[in-house]
Amino acid sequence: MYVLAFQRLTIEALIDVFYFPIWWYSFGAVKAAEWCFNLLKEGNMNLAPGIWLTNIFVPMFGQYDWQGRIISFLMRVVQIIFRGAALLAWTLVCLALFIIWLVLPLLIGYGFYRSLIKR
């Protein structure tokens, strides 16, 4: 019984080792891309530059005089610029996380190869 269990565990471990790269770059990459896209959507919901752009000509705090309209417009322009820049930075972070996901096994394999060569 122990021999059969050991044989089965060994075979499954070898199959998992060879299946890992296939999973990592197919199903795992799709899951990682979905996770990064959801992270980007959350960043867009938190920063919401589109809402500020939609309401760019609406006076803030009910100030319908011309001074209130000018100040509201300028404040919204500044908010759109900074929130848009923050969303762009957040997009780059999400993209970097996905690229790290794709490159990480290659870097680990390269490090393992280099450690074998140095000895």
C-alpha atoms as a PDB file:
ATOM      1  CA  MET A   1       0.000   0.000   0.000  1.00  0.00           C
ATOM      2  CA  TYR A   2       2.791   2.423   0.880  1.00  0.00           C
ATOM      3  CA  VAL A   3       4.579   1.716  -2.384  1.00  0.00           C
ATOM      4  CA  LEU A   4       1.437   2.458  -4.418  1.00  0.00           C
ATOM      5  CA  ALA A   5       0.771   5.667  -2.489  1.00  0.00           C
ATOM      6  CA  PHE A   6       4.377   6.814  -2.920  1.00  0.00           C
ATOM      7  CA  GLN A   7       4.277   5.957  -6.620  1.00  0.00           C
ATOM      8  CA  ARG A   8       1.019   7.851  -7.110  1.00  0.00           C
ATOM      9  CA  LEU A   9       2.296  10.904  -5.208  1.00  0.00           C
ATOM     10  CA  THR A  10       5.526  10.918  -7.202  1.00  0.00           C
ATOM     11  CA  ILE A  11       3.729  10.696 -10.543  1.00  0.00           C
ATOM     12  CA  GLU A  12       1.290  13.460  -9.586  1.00  0.00           C
ATOM     13  CA  ALA A  13       4.123  15.674  -8.364  1.00  0.00           C
ATOM     14  CA  LEU A  14       5.942  15.253 -11.677  1.00  0.00           C
ATOM     15  CA  ILE A  15       2.765  16.004 -13.610  1.00  0.00           C
ATOM     16  CA  ASP A  16       2.229  19.127 -11.507  1.00  0.00           C
ATOM     17  CA  VAL A  17       5.791  20.296 -12.136  1.00  0.00           C
ATOM     18  CA  PHE A  18       5.376  19.980 -15.887  1.00  0.00           C
ATOM     19  CA  TYR A  19       1.818  21.389 -15.888  1.00  0.00           C
ATOM     20  CA  PHE A  20       2.769  24.455 -13.819  1.00  0.00           C
ATOM     21  CA  PRO A  21       4.147  26.597 -16.716  1.00  0.00           C
ATOM     22  CA  ILE A  22       1.141  25.744 -18.856  1.00  0.00           C
ATOM     23  CA  TRP A  23      -1.228  26.804 -16.083  1.00  0.00           C
ATOM     24  CA  TRP A  24       0.806  29.906 -15.165  1.00  0.00           C
ATOM     25  CA  TYR A  25       0.779  31.322 -18.693  1.00  0.00           C
ATOM     26  CA  SER A  26      -2.788  30.310 -19.622  1.00  0.00           C
ATOM     27  CA  PHE A  27      -5.407  30.062 -16.879  1.00  0.00           C
ATOM     28  CA  GLY A  28      -3.249  31.767 -14.265  1.00  0.00           C
ATOM     29  CA  ALA A  29      -2.469  34.673 -16.596  1.00  0.00           C
ATOM     30  CA  VAL A  30      -6.169  35.116 -17.341  1.00  0.00           C
ATOM     31  CA  LYS A  31      -6.941  35.175 -13.603  1.00  0.00           C
ATOM     32  CA  ALA A  32      -4.109  37.649 -13.000  1.00  0.00           C
ATOM     33  CA  ALA A  33      -5.353  39.880 -15.832  1.00  0.00           C
ATOM     34  CA  GLU A  34      -8.886  39.816 -14.396  1.00  0.00           C
ATOM     35  CA  TRP A  35      -7.515  40.692 -10.952  1.00  0.00           C
ATOM     36  CA  CYS A  36      -5.478  43.593 -12.356  1.00  0.00           C
ATOM     37  CA  PHE A  37      -8.470  44.836 -14.360  1.00  0.00           C
ATOM     38  CA  ASN A  38     -10.680  44.719 -11.247  1.00  0.00           C
ATOM     39  CA  LEU A  39      -7.982  46.599  -9.341  1.00  0.00           C
ATOM     40  CA  LEU A  40      -7.984  49.228 -12.093  1.00  0.00           C
ATOM     41  CA  LYS A  41     -11.783  49.476 -11.978  1.00  0.00           C
ATOM     42  CA  GLU A  42     -11.640  50.030  -8.209  1.00  0.00           C
ATOM     43  CA  GLY A  43      -9.075  52.773  -8.714  1.00  0.00           C
ATOM     44  CA  ASN A  44     -11.327  54.391 -11.298  1.00  0.00           C
ATOM     45  CA  MET A  45     -14.295  54.195  -8.924  1.00  0.00           C
ATOM     46  CA  ASN A  46     -12.273  55.783  -6.118  1.00  0.00           C
ATOM     47  CA  LEU A  47     -10.739  58.569  -8.200  1.00  0.00           C
ATOM     48  CA  ALA A  48     -13.718  59.060 -10.560  1.00  0.00           C
ATOM     49  CA  PRO A  49     -12.304  61.641 -12.983  1.00  0.00           C
ATOM     50  CA  GLY A  50     -15.245  60.986 -15.314  1.00  0.00           C
ATOM     51  CA  ILE A  51     -17.743  62.259 -12.745  1.00  0.00           C
ATOM     52  CA  TRP A  52     -15.714  65.421 -12.272  1.00  0.00           C
ATOM     53  CA  LEU A  53     -15.572  65.858 -16.056  1.00  0.00           C
ATOM     54  CA  THR A  54     -19.323  65.331 -16.395  1.00  0.00           C
ATOM     55  CA  ASN A  55     -20.054  68.037 -13.820  1.00  0.00           C
ATOM     56  CA  ILE A  56     -17.367  70.489 -14.936  1.00  0.00           C
ATOM     57  CA  PHE A  57     -19.842  73.328 -15.642  1.00  0.00           C
ATOM     58  CA  VAL A  58     -22.096  72.705 -12.621  1.00  0.00           C
ATOM     59  CA  PRO A  59     -21.455  75.269  -9.875  1.00  0.00           C
ATOM     60  CA  MET A  60     -20.204  73.874  -6.587  1.00  0.00           C
ATOM     61  CA  PHE A  61     -22.099  74.456  -3.323  1.00  0.00           C
ATOM     62  CA  GLY A  62     -24.983  76.157  -5.113  1.00  0.00           C
ATOM     63  CA  GLN A  63     -22.953  79.268  -5.983  1.00  0.00           C
ATOM     64  CA  TYR A  64     -24.701  80.384  -9.153  1.00  0.00           C
ATOM     65  CA  ASP A  65     -23.050  83.819  -9.401  1.00  0.00           C
ATOM     66  CA  TRP A  66     -20.224  84.330 -11.886  1.00  0.00           C
ATOM     67  CA  GLN A  67     -17.471  84.193  -9.232  1.00  0.00           C
ATOM     68  CA  GLY A  68     -18.781  80.853  -7.936  1.00  0.00           C
ATOM     69  CA  ARG A  69     -18.978  79.469 -11.455  1.00  0.00           C
ATOM     70  CA  ILE A  70     -15.394  80.494 -12.278  1.00  0.00           C
ATOM     71  CA  ILE A  71     -14.001  79.103  -9.030  1.00  0.00           C
ATOM     72  CA  SER A  72     -15.999  75.888  -9.457  1.00  0.00           C
ATOM     73  CA  PHE A  73     -14.781  75.467 -13.029  1.00  0.00           C
ATOM     74  CA  LEU A  74     -11.143  76.041 -12.089  1.00  0.00           C
ATOM     75  CA  MET A  75     -11.360  73.711  -9.082  1.00  0.00           C
ATOM     76  CA  ARG A  76     -12.860  70.976 -11.223  1.00  0.00           C
ATOM     77  CA  VAL A  77     -10.187  71.415 -13.900  1.00  0.00           C
ATOM     78  CA  VAL A  78      -7.481  71.025 -11.233  1.00  0.00           C
ATOM     79  CA  GLN A  79      -9.276  67.982  -9.788  1.00  0.00           C
ATOM     80  CA  ILE A  80      -9.599  66.386 -13.235  1.00  0.00           C
ATOM     81  CA  ILE A  81      -5.903  66.931 -13.974  1.00  0.00           C
ATOM     82  CA  PHE A  82      -4.677  65.485 -10.687  1.00  0.00           C
ATOM     83  CA  ARG A  83      -7.183  62.641 -10.575  1.00  0.00           C
ATOM     84  CA  GLY A  84      -6.437  61.776 -14.199  1.00  0.00           C
ATOM     85  CA  ALA A  85      -2.705  61.719 -13.438  1.00  0.00           C
ATOM     86  CA  ALA A  86      -3.334  59.540 -10.380  1.00  0.00           C
ATOM     87  CA  LEU A  87      -5.455  57.163 -12.468  1.00  0.00           C
ATOM     88  CA  LEU A  88      -2.718  56.997 -15.092  1.00  0.00           C
ATOM     89  CA  ALA A  89      -0.175  56.153 -12.367  1.00  0.00           C
ATOM     90  CA  TRP A  90      -2.569  53.529 -10.977  1.00  0.00           C
ATOM     91  CA  THR A  91      -2.950  52.048 -14.471  1.00  0.00           C
ATOM     92  CA  LEU A  92       0.835  51.799 -14.774  1.00  0.00           C
ATOM     93  CA  VAL A  93       1.010  50.063 -11.377  1.00  0.00           C
ATOM     94  CA  CYS A  94      -1.643  47.536 -12.457  1.00  0.00           C
ATOM     95  CA  LEU A  95       0.201  46.933 -15.727  1.00  0.00           C
ATOM     96  CA  ALA A  96       3.488  46.489 -13.861  1.00  0.00           C
ATOM     97  CA  LEU A  97       1.882  43.939 -11.532  1.00  0.00           C
ATOM     98  CA  PHE A  98       0.675  41.922 -14.521  1.00  0.00           C
ATOM     99  CA  ILE A  99       4.090  42.083 -16.185  1.00  0.00           C
ATOM    100  CA  ILE A 100       5.699  40.936 -12.926  1.00  0.00           C
ATOM    101  CA  TRP A 101       3.271  38.002 -12.918  1.00  0.00           C
ATOM    102  CA  LEU A 102       4.423  37.012 -16.404  1.00  0.00           C
ATOM    103  CA  VAL A 103       8.153  37.510 -15.803  1.00  0.00           C
ATOM    104  CA  LEU A 104       8.484  36.080 -12.281  1.00  0.00           C
ATOM    105  CA  PRO A 105       8.837  32.376 -13.213  1.00  0.00           C
ATOM    106  CA  LEU A 106      11.427  33.280 -15.831  1.00  0.00           C
ATOM    107  CA  LEU A 107      13.437  35.271 -13.286  1.00  0.00           C
ATOM    108  CA  ILE A 108      13.250  32.447 -10.757  1.00  0.00           C
ATOM    109  CA  GLY A 109      14.335  29.948 -13.422  1.00  0.00           C
ATOM    110  CA  TYR A 110      17.206  32.220 -14.440  1.00  0.00           C
ATOM    111  CA  GLY A 111      18.297  32.604 -10.813  1.00  0.00           C
ATOM    112  CA  PHE A 112      18.157  28.845 -10.341  1.00  0.00           C
ATOM    113  CA  TYR A 113      20.197  28.328 -13.519  1.00  0.00           C
ATOM    114  CA  ARG A 114      22.782  30.903 -12.411  1.00  0.00           C
ATOM    115  CA  SER A 115      23.113  29.269  -9.010  1.00  0.00           C
ATOM    116  CA  LEU A 116      23.829  25.919 -10.669  1.00  0.00           C
ATOM    117  CA  ILE A 117      26.414  27.413 -13.046  1.00  0.00           C
ATOM    118  CA  LYS A 118      28.420  29.201 -10.314  1.00  0.00           C
ATOM    119  CA  ARG A 119      29.167  25.975  -8.413  1.00  0.00           C
END
